[in-house]
Amino acid sequence: MRFYGFPAAIALTMALPASAQTPQPAAPLTAQTATAGTLRATPPDPFVYQSAAEVKALTQWPDRKTHSKVVADHESYFVEYVTRGDSGNNPETHGHWYDYIHVLDGEGTITYGGTQDGARDVGNMETRGGTINGGKMITLHSGDRLVLPPGLPHLFTATKGNTFTYLIFKHKH
């Protein structure tokens, strides 16, 4: 009895086109382009420790505008720190994303629900801008936690003259 398995495997490999032998990687997307498609698939995060001082340094900016820093970026979720100012914030609605939010510092408000009127479609069931009509407002403080389901219009703003910072875990639905 002869074994033809190895020579047959070599012949089959040589007969297949190169594209069938090696999968082509997709162009990577980032959290900033998440509204245009899925995020890139990345390996699991290694162990990470950041002291309170390091986290504070990640979330401090010289102005009172809105800034964010993505710290984990995966296919179906990403994690970022966001610092909101008291102006320049826009309502938004996410069609596919749950937002799990933990307020870390400062004081701000969330206006949520109602309708988002005059918004622009930014793709992938995401809208930005316009105004929220008929929504409810809650004042947020350090330690508060929120869960925003897909489809819920919302607007975060810091209280006048302040900033507030939160950690957000976005999970694709």
C-alpha atoms as a PDB file:
ATOM      1  CA  MET A   1       0.000   0.000   0.000  1.00  0.00           C
ATOM      2  CA  ARG A   2       1.455   3.320  -1.049  1.00  0.00           C
ATOM      3  CA  PHE A   3       0.866   6.724   0.584  1.00  0.00           C
ATOM      4  CA  TYR A   4       0.115   9.434  -1.966  1.00  0.00           C
ATOM      5  CA  GLY A   5      -1.172  12.081   0.502  1.00  0.00           C
ATOM      6  CA  PHE A   6       1.907  14.338   0.671  1.00  0.00           C
ATOM      7  CA  PRO A   7       2.608  14.520  -3.105  1.00  0.00           C
ATOM      8  CA  ALA A   8      -1.122  15.069  -3.739  1.00  0.00           C
ATOM      9  CA  ALA A   9      -1.207  17.950  -1.225  1.00  0.00           C
ATOM     10  CA  ILE A  10       1.794  19.602  -2.914  1.00  0.00           C
ATOM     11  CA  ALA A  11       0.188  19.232  -6.350  1.00  0.00           C
ATOM     12  CA  LEU A  12      -3.102  20.702  -5.085  1.00  0.00           C
ATOM     13  CA  THR A  13      -1.309  23.652  -3.469  1.00  0.00           C
ATOM     14  CA  MET A  14       0.545  24.385  -6.690  1.00  0.00           C
ATOM     15  CA  ALA A  15      -2.695  24.160  -8.713  1.00  0.00           C
ATOM     16  CA  LEU A  16      -4.582  26.685  -6.554  1.00  0.00           C
ATOM     17  CA  PRO A  17      -4.200  30.373  -7.376  1.00  0.00           C
ATOM     18  CA  ALA A  18      -2.143  32.381  -4.890  1.00  0.00           C
ATOM     19  CA  SER A  19      -5.232  34.278  -3.705  1.00  0.00           C
ATOM     20  CA  ALA A  20      -6.866  30.993  -2.644  1.00  0.00           C
ATOM     21  CA  GLN A  21      -3.774  29.970  -0.680  1.00  0.00           C
ATOM     22  CA  THR A  22      -3.259  33.148   1.323  1.00  0.00           C
ATOM     23  CA  PRO A  23      -6.186  35.151   2.713  1.00  0.00           C
ATOM     24  CA  GLN A  24      -5.883  38.854   1.952  1.00  0.00           C
ATOM     25  CA  PRO A  25      -6.162  41.093   5.033  1.00  0.00           C
ATOM     26  CA  ALA A  26      -8.962  43.638   5.098  1.00  0.00           C
ATOM     27  CA  ALA A  27      -8.061  47.295   5.310  1.00  0.00           C
ATOM     28  CA  PRO A  28      -7.966  48.210   9.002  1.00  0.00           C
ATOM     29  CA  LEU A  29     -10.603  50.531  10.405  1.00  0.00           C
ATOM     30  CA  THR A  30     -10.319  52.500  13.600  1.00  0.00           C
ATOM     31  CA  ALA A  31     -12.750  53.583  16.277  1.00  0.00           C
ATOM     32  CA  GLN A  32     -12.882  56.985  14.597  1.00  0.00           C
ATOM     33  CA  THR A  33     -14.250  55.332  11.429  1.00  0.00           C
ATOM     34  CA  ALA A  34     -16.474  52.844  13.250  1.00  0.00           C
ATOM     35  CA  THR A  35     -19.571  54.510  11.887  1.00  0.00           C
ATOM     36  CA  ALA A  36     -18.446  53.561   8.380  1.00  0.00           C
ATOM     37  CA  GLY A  37     -18.127  49.824   9.097  1.00  0.00           C
ATOM     38  CA  THR A  38     -16.818  47.310  11.553  1.00  0.00           C
ATOM     39  CA  LEU A  39     -13.642  47.826  13.498  1.00  0.00           C
ATOM     40  CA  ARG A  40     -10.494  45.929  12.674  1.00  0.00           C
ATOM     41  CA  ALA A  41      -9.989  42.518  14.218  1.00  0.00           C
ATOM     42  CA  THR A  42      -7.074  42.686  16.622  1.00  0.00           C
ATOM     43  CA  PRO A  43      -5.558  40.197  19.008  1.00  0.00           C
ATOM     44  CA  PRO A  44      -6.675  40.264  22.634  1.00  0.00           C
ATOM     45  CA  ASP A  45      -5.209  42.994  24.781  1.00  0.00           C
ATOM     46  CA  PRO A  46      -2.275  42.071  26.991  1.00  0.00           C
ATOM     47  CA  PHE A  47      -2.376  42.791  30.709  1.00  0.00           C
ATOM     48  CA  VAL A  48      -2.543  46.562  31.131  1.00  0.00           C
ATOM     49  CA  TYR A  49      -2.206  48.611  34.300  1.00  0.00           C
ATOM     50  CA  GLN A  50      -2.499  52.376  34.373  1.00  0.00           C
ATOM     51  CA  SER A  51      -2.220  54.353  37.563  1.00  0.00           C
ATOM     52  CA  ALA A  52      -4.747  57.061  38.393  1.00  0.00           C
ATOM     53  CA  ALA A  53      -2.108  59.648  37.437  1.00  0.00           C
ATOM     54  CA  GLU A  54      -1.625  58.012  34.010  1.00  0.00           C
ATOM     55  CA  VAL A  55      -5.368  57.916  33.385  1.00  0.00           C
ATOM     56  CA  LYS A  56      -5.664  61.563  34.410  1.00  0.00           C
ATOM     57  CA  ALA A  57      -2.851  62.460  31.989  1.00  0.00           C
ATOM     58  CA  LEU A  58      -4.765  60.674  29.183  1.00  0.00           C
ATOM     59  CA  THR A  59      -7.827  62.812  29.827  1.00  0.00           C
ATOM     60  CA  GLN A  60      -6.310  66.267  30.377  1.00  0.00           C
ATOM     61  CA  TRP A  61      -6.321  68.772  27.529  1.00  0.00           C
ATOM     62  CA  PRO A  62      -5.394  72.467  27.619  1.00  0.00           C
ATOM     63  CA  ASP A  63      -8.797  73.679  26.409  1.00  0.00           C
ATOM     64  CA  ARG A  64     -12.410  73.079  27.367  1.00  0.00           C
ATOM     65  CA  LYS A  65     -13.317  71.382  24.091  1.00  0.00           C
ATOM     66  CA  THR A  66     -14.373  67.777  23.606  1.00  0.00           C
ATOM     67  CA  HIS A  67     -11.553  65.250  23.196  1.00  0.00           C
ATOM     68  CA  SER A  68     -11.293  61.466  23.247  1.00  0.00           C
ATOM     69  CA  LYS A  69      -8.605  58.811  23.499  1.00  0.00           C
ATOM     70  CA  VAL A  70      -9.268  55.247  22.284  1.00  0.00           C
ATOM     71  CA  VAL A  71      -7.492  52.697  24.501  1.00  0.00           C
ATOM     72  CA  ALA A  72      -8.832  49.437  22.990  1.00  0.00           C
ATOM     73  CA  ASP A  73     -10.050  48.901  19.441  1.00  0.00           C
ATOM     74  CA  HIS A  74     -11.564  45.592  18.334  1.00  0.00           C
ATOM     75  CA  GLU A  75     -13.973  44.245  15.758  1.00  0.00           C
ATOM     76  CA  SER A  76     -17.112  44.324  17.902  1.00  0.00           C
ATOM     77  CA  TYR A  77     -16.164  46.779  20.652  1.00  0.00           C
ATOM     78  CA  PHE A  78     -13.913  49.643  21.576  1.00  0.00           C
ATOM     79  CA  VAL A  79     -13.074  51.528  24.751  1.00  0.00           C
ATOM     80  CA  GLU A  80     -12.273  55.207  25.010  1.00  0.00           C
ATOM     81  CA  TYR A  81     -11.899  58.025  27.482  1.00  0.00           C
ATOM     82  CA  VAL A  82     -13.927  61.122  26.584  1.00  0.00           C
ATOM     83  CA  THR A  83     -13.648  64.604  28.055  1.00  0.00           C
ATOM     84  CA  ARG A  84     -16.539  66.918  27.184  1.00  0.00           C
ATOM     85  CA  GLY A  85     -16.513  70.687  27.247  1.00  0.00           C
ATOM     86  CA  ASP A  86     -19.454  73.016  27.721  1.00  0.00           C
ATOM     87  CA  SER A  87     -19.820  73.890  24.024  1.00  0.00           C
ATOM     88  CA  GLY A  88     -19.446  72.373  20.572  1.00  0.00           C
ATOM     89  CA  ASN A  89     -21.177  69.102  21.432  1.00  0.00           C
ATOM     90  CA  ASN A  90     -23.679  67.562  19.017  1.00  0.00           C
ATOM     91  CA  PRO A  91     -26.525  65.088  19.450  1.00  0.00           C
ATOM     92  CA  GLU A  92     -25.928  61.630  18.035  1.00  0.00           C
ATOM     93  CA  THR A  93     -27.721  58.340  17.542  1.00  0.00           C
ATOM     94  CA  HIS A  94     -25.957  54.997  17.041  1.00  0.00           C
ATOM     95  CA  GLY A  95     -27.774  52.361  15.027  1.00  0.00           C
ATOM     96  CA  HIS A  96     -25.599  49.390  15.997  1.00  0.00           C
ATOM     97  CA  TRP A  97     -23.778  50.350  19.201  1.00  0.00           C
ATOM     98  CA  TYR A  98     -24.579  50.003  22.890  1.00  0.00           C
ATOM     99  CA  ASP A  99     -22.764  52.626  24.978  1.00  0.00           C
ATOM    100  CA  TYR A 100     -21.806  51.621  28.529  1.00  0.00           C
ATOM    101  CA  ILE A 101     -20.613  54.762  30.300  1.00  0.00           C
ATOM    102  CA  HIS A 102     -18.991  55.413  33.672  1.00  0.00           C
ATOM    103  CA  VAL A 103     -18.526  59.079  34.647  1.00  0.00           C
ATOM    104  CA  LEU A 104     -15.045  59.567  36.105  1.00  0.00           C
ATOM    105  CA  ASP A 105     -14.739  63.280  36.850  1.00  0.00           C
ATOM    106  CA  GLY A 106     -16.573  66.582  36.676  1.00  0.00           C
ATOM    107  CA  GLU A 107     -20.219  67.361  36.100  1.00  0.00           C
ATOM    108  CA  GLY A 108     -22.263  67.352  32.937  1.00  0.00           C
ATOM    109  CA  THR A 109     -25.651  66.587  31.499  1.00  0.00           C
ATOM    110  CA  ILE A 110     -27.105  64.056  29.138  1.00  0.00           C
ATOM    111  CA  THR A 111     -30.183  64.838  27.110  1.00  0.00           C
ATOM    112  CA  TYR A 112     -31.647  61.601  25.765  1.00  0.00           C
ATOM    113  CA  GLY A 113     -34.721  60.232  24.030  1.00  0.00           C
ATOM    114  CA  GLY A 114     -37.209  62.258  22.059  1.00  0.00           C
ATOM    115  CA  THR A 115     -36.372  62.872  18.427  1.00  0.00           C
ATOM    116  CA  GLN A 116     -33.158  64.034  16.812  1.00  0.00           C
ATOM    117  CA  ASP A 117     -34.304  66.661  14.322  1.00  0.00           C
ATOM    118  CA  GLY A 118     -32.116  68.124  11.576  1.00  0.00           C
ATOM    119  CA  ALA A 119     -29.404  65.470  11.968  1.00  0.00           C
ATOM    120  CA  ARG A 120     -27.120  64.407   9.146  1.00  0.00           C
ATOM    121  CA  ASP A 121     -26.666  60.759   8.234  1.00  0.00           C
ATOM    122  CA  VAL A 122     -23.007  59.783   8.619  1.00  0.00           C
ATOM    123  CA  GLY A 123     -23.491  56.187   7.406  1.00  0.00           C
ATOM    124  CA  ASN A 124     -24.031  52.778   8.984  1.00  0.00           C
ATOM    125  CA  MET A 125     -27.222  53.884  10.785  1.00  0.00           C
ATOM    126  CA  GLU A 126     -25.419  56.730  12.592  1.00  0.00           C
ATOM    127  CA  THR A 127     -26.597  60.339  12.796  1.00  0.00           C
ATOM    128  CA  ARG A 128     -24.926  63.496  14.141  1.00  0.00           C
ATOM    129  CA  GLY A 129     -25.973  67.087  14.737  1.00  0.00           C
ATOM    130  CA  GLY A 130     -29.324  68.815  14.779  1.00  0.00           C
ATOM    131  CA  THR A 131     -31.298  69.098  18.009  1.00  0.00           C
ATOM    132  CA  ILE A 132     -33.063  66.758  20.405  1.00  0.00           C
ATOM    133  CA  ASN A 133     -36.746  67.568  20.865  1.00  0.00           C
ATOM    134  CA  GLY A 134     -38.861  66.041  23.617  1.00  0.00           C
ATOM    135  CA  GLY A 135     -35.911  64.427  25.376  1.00  0.00           C
ATOM    136  CA  LYS A 136     -35.195  64.159  29.095  1.00  0.00           C
ATOM    137  CA  MET A 137     -32.163  65.656  30.844  1.00  0.00           C
ATOM    138  CA  ILE A 138     -30.146  64.222  33.737  1.00  0.00           C
ATOM    139  CA  THR A 139     -27.236  65.882  35.533  1.00  0.00           C
ATOM    140  CA  LEU A 140     -24.269  63.508  35.689  1.00  0.00           C
ATOM    141  CA  HIS A 141     -21.673  63.322  38.456  1.00  0.00           C
ATOM    142  CA  SER A 142     -18.513  61.343  39.117  1.00  0.00           C
ATOM    143  CA  GLY A 143     -19.404  57.693  39.731  1.00  0.00           C
ATOM    144  CA  ASP A 144     -22.634  57.666  37.696  1.00  0.00           C
ATOM    145  CA  ARG A 145     -23.176  54.858  35.169  1.00  0.00           C
ATOM    146  CA  LEU A 146     -25.320  54.840  32.024  1.00  0.00           C
ATOM    147  CA  VAL A 147     -26.340  52.314  29.389  1.00  0.00           C
ATOM    148  CA  LEU A 148     -27.498  53.761  26.065  1.00  0.00           C
ATOM    149  CA  PRO A 149     -29.093  51.231  23.701  1.00  0.00           C
ATOM    150  CA  PRO A 150     -28.844  51.531  19.915  1.00  0.00           C
ATOM    151  CA  GLY A 151     -31.312  54.002  18.430  1.00  0.00           C
ATOM    152  CA  LEU A 152     -31.459  56.345  21.449  1.00  0.00           C
ATOM    153  CA  PRO A 153     -30.713  59.991  20.549  1.00  0.00           C
ATOM    154  CA  HIS A 154     -28.375  61.560  23.109  1.00  0.00           C
ATOM    155  CA  LEU A 155     -26.277  64.643  23.786  1.00  0.00           C
ATOM    156  CA  PHE A 156     -23.558  65.053  26.428  1.00  0.00           C
ATOM    157  CA  THR A 157     -22.492  68.520  27.611  1.00  0.00           C
ATOM    158  CA  ALA A 158     -20.369  69.687  30.549  1.00  0.00           C
ATOM    159  CA  THR A 159     -21.907  72.193  32.935  1.00  0.00           C
ATOM    160  CA  LYS A 160     -21.029  75.823  32.124  1.00  0.00           C
ATOM    161  CA  GLY A 161     -17.319  76.570  32.511  1.00  0.00           C
ATOM    162  CA  ASN A 162     -16.411  72.960  33.294  1.00  0.00           C
ATOM    163  CA  THR A 163     -15.421  69.699  31.672  1.00  0.00           C
ATOM    164  CA  PHE A 164     -16.425  66.187  32.573  1.00  0.00           C
ATOM    165  CA  THR A 165     -14.728  62.913  31.761  1.00  0.00           C
ATOM    166  CA  TYR A 166     -16.142  59.452  31.275  1.00  0.00           C
ATOM    167  CA  LEU A 167     -15.013  56.003  30.215  1.00  0.00           C
ATOM    168  CA  ILE A 168     -17.094  54.483  27.450  1.00  0.00           C
ATOM    169  CA  PHE A 169     -17.268  50.853  26.376  1.00  0.00           C
ATOM    170  CA  LYS A 170     -18.973  50.618  22.978  1.00  0.00           C
ATOM    171  CA  HIS A 171     -20.323  47.198  22.058  1.00  0.00           C
ATOM    172  CA  LYS A 172     -21.651  46.445  18.575  1.00  0.00           C
ATOM    173  CA  HIS A 173     -25.172  45.006  18.612  1.00  0.00           C
END
